[in-house]
Protein backbone atom coordinates (compact mmCIF):
# COMPACT_ATOMS: atom_id res chain seq x y z
CA MET A 1 8.71 3.18 -11.62
CA THR A 2 5.62 3.57 -9.43
CA SER A 3 3.61 5.58 -12.01
CA HIS A 4 3.29 8.44 -9.49
CA ARG A 5 1.68 6.12 -6.94
CA CYS A 6 2.57 5.39 -3.34
CA SER A 7 4.56 2.15 -3.11
CA TYR A 8 2.62 1.12 -0.03
CA CYS A 9 -1.02 2.29 -0.27
CA ASP A 10 -1.08 2.90 -4.08
CA ALA A 11 -2.55 6.38 -3.64
CA TYR A 12 -2.69 8.32 -6.88
CA PRO A 13 -1.68 10.91 -7.65
CA LEU A 14 1.04 10.61 -5.10
CA LYS A 15 0.84 14.31 -4.22
CA ALA A 16 -2.83 13.89 -3.23
CA THR A 17 -1.69 13.04 0.31
CA GLY A 18 1.03 15.64 0.57
CA ARG A 19 4.32 15.34 -1.24
CA TYR A 20 6.65 12.71 -2.67
CA GLU A 21 8.77 11.15 0.04
CA ILE A 22 11.38 8.40 0.10
CA ASP A 23 11.07 5.68 2.70
CA HIS A 24 13.99 3.63 3.90
CA PHE A 25 12.22 0.29 4.25
CA ARG A 26 14.76 -0.75 6.82
CA PRO A 27 15.11 2.54 8.71
CA LYS A 28 18.27 4.54 8.28
CA THR A 29 18.03 5.59 11.93
CA ARG A 30 18.65 2.06 13.16
CA GLU A 31 22.32 1.19 13.52
CA GLU A 32 21.91 -2.30 12.08
CA PHE A 33 20.71 -0.78 8.81
CA TYR A 34 23.26 2.05 8.38
CA GLU A 35 24.88 0.27 5.44
CA LEU A 36 21.53 0.25 3.60
CA VAL A 37 21.00 4.03 3.61
CA CYS A 38 21.65 4.41 -0.14
CA THR A 39 20.86 0.87 -1.23
CA TRP A 40 18.33 1.01 -4.09
CA ASP A 41 16.21 -1.91 -2.96
CA ASN A 42 15.77 -0.33 0.49
CA LEU A 43 14.23 2.85 -0.93
CA PHE A 44 10.56 3.29 -1.78
CA LEU A 45 8.69 6.31 -3.17
CA ILE A 46 5.72 6.84 -0.88
CA CYS A 47 3.10 9.35 0.17
CA THR A 48 3.29 11.62 3.21
CA ALA A 49 0.52 9.68 4.97
CA CYS A 50 2.30 6.32 4.75
CA ASN A 51 5.64 7.85 5.70
CA GLY A 52 4.05 9.58 8.69
CA ALA A 53 2.56 6.29 9.84
CA LYS A 54 5.61 4.11 9.28
CA ARG A 55 8.24 6.55 10.54
CA ASP A 56 11.18 4.41 11.77
CA GLN A 57 9.13 1.26 12.32
CA TRP A 58 10.28 -1.99 10.83
CA GLU A 59 9.98 -5.64 11.71
CA PRO A 60 10.60 -8.81 9.65
CA PRO A 61 6.91 -9.54 8.91
CA LEU A 62 6.35 -6.19 7.16
CA LEU A 63 5.37 -6.93 3.54
CA ARG A 64 7.55 -5.43 0.83
CA PRO A 65 5.57 -4.28 -2.23
CA ASP A 66 8.32 -5.56 -4.51
CA ASP A 67 8.65 -9.05 -3.04
CA GLU A 68 8.61 -11.76 -5.63
CA GLY A 69 5.17 -13.32 -5.51
CA TYR A 70 3.59 -10.40 -3.67
CA ALA A 71 -0.03 -9.90 -4.72
CA PHE A 72 -2.56 -7.75 -2.91
CA GLU A 73 -5.30 -10.32 -3.25
CA ARG A 74 -3.14 -12.97 -1.66
CA TYR A 75 -2.66 -11.11 1.61
CA PHE A 76 -5.64 -8.78 1.91
CA LEU A 77 -9.39 -8.84 1.90
CA PHE A 78 -11.19 -5.60 0.95
CA ASN A 79 -14.34 -4.56 2.80
CA PHE A 80 -16.64 -2.99 0.15
CA GLU A 81 -18.75 -1.26 2.81
CA THR A 82 -16.06 0.39 4.94
CA GLY A 83 -13.07 0.55 2.57
CA GLU A 84 -10.94 -1.20 5.16
CA LEU A 85 -8.32 -3.83 4.48
CA GLN A 86 -8.19 -7.03 6.51
CA PRO A 87 -5.81 -9.97 6.40
CA ALA A 88 -7.14 -12.62 4.02
CA PRO A 89 -8.76 -15.28 6.18
CA ASP A 90 -7.72 -18.24 4.03
CA ILE A 91 -3.95 -17.79 4.11
CA PRO A 92 -1.54 -19.49 6.52
CA PRO A 93 -1.30 -17.87 9.97
CA PRO A 94 2.24 -16.48 9.39
CA ASP A 95 1.02 -14.67 6.25
CA ARG A 96 -2.08 -13.43 8.09
CA HIS A 97 0.25 -12.02 10.77
CA ARG A 98 2.36 -10.29 8.08
CA ALA A 99 -0.73 -8.71 6.51
CA ARG A 100 -2.06 -7.56 9.91
CA ARG A 101 1.27 -5.99 10.89
CA THR A 102 1.59 -4.27 7.51
CA ILE A 103 -1.90 -2.75 7.90
CA GLU A 104 -1.02 -1.60 11.44
CA ILE A 105 2.49 -0.26 10.76
CA LEU A 106 1.47 1.64 7.62
CA ASP A 107 -1.92 2.63 9.10
CA LEU A 108 -3.57 1.44 5.89
CA ASN A 109 -7.01 1.71 7.48
CA ARG A 110 -6.71 5.42 8.28
CA ALA A 111 -9.97 7.22 7.57
CA ASP A 112 -8.78 9.10 4.46
CA ALA A 113 -7.36 5.94 2.87
CA CYS A 114 -10.65 4.04 3.41
CA LYS A 115 -12.63 6.92 1.98
CA THR A 116 -10.36 7.15 -1.06
CA ARG A 117 -10.60 3.41 -1.69
CA LEU A 118 -14.41 3.62 -1.61
CA SER A 119 -14.27 6.51 -4.12
CA THR A 120 -12.04 4.41 -6.35
CA ILE A 121 -14.59 1.58 -6.26
CA LYS A 122 -17.33 4.00 -7.38
CA ALA A 123 -15.11 5.32 -10.19
CA ILE A 124 -14.34 1.78 -11.38
CA ARG A 125 -18.03 0.93 -11.45
CA ARG A 126 -19.04 4.02 -13.43
CA ARG A 127 -16.20 3.98 -15.95
CA GLU A 128 -17.12 4.00 -19.61
CA SER A 129 -13.94 2.36 -20.88
CA ASP A 130 -10.96 0.46 -19.57
CA ASP A 131 -8.74 3.39 -20.63
CA GLU A 132 -10.15 5.32 -17.65
CA LEU A 133 -8.66 2.78 -15.24
CA ALA A 134 -5.11 3.98 -15.85
CA ASP A 135 -5.61 7.17 -13.86
CA LEU A 136 -7.18 5.58 -10.81
CA GLY A 137 -5.45 4.99 -7.53
CA HIS A 138 -5.64 1.62 -5.83
CA ARG A 139 -5.00 -0.49 -8.89
CA PHE A 140 -5.35 -3.58 -6.73
CA LEU A 141 -9.10 -2.91 -6.49
CA VAL A 142 -9.68 -3.06 -10.27
CA PRO A 143 -9.69 -6.87 -10.58
CA LEU A 144 -12.13 -7.05 -7.62
CA VAL A 145 -14.66 -4.83 -9.36
CA ALA A 146 -13.98 -4.66 -13.10
CA SER A 147 -14.86 -7.63 -15.19
């Protein structure tokens, strides 16, 4: 379902950051979420790095990658020089807060993630055909670069 990509950071191949892991979006360790332990829509395939960052953290603003209407470009701005993600400046303050908290909780600006995103940008720019885009991580960057 995720095409061997992390549900949160879109790293590919997923094993590039460690191993396949399952995240309980609403943590199974919190009593109020016990009944969601095996609920399909509470489980996400993710990379070791994102799982290590998120651990048992959860709060209502955290963006779900499967939310209806979720689009990377709606919530995030990509810095082409550093590889960092920032909340999009032109969205309503509550959405900016959600994007900021998602970046913080999942540690999406960790050094290795920024470096990998910059490598993806280079690969997109030097591709010879659109078929080569299928094997890249960070699919959300393709529309920002490829035209």
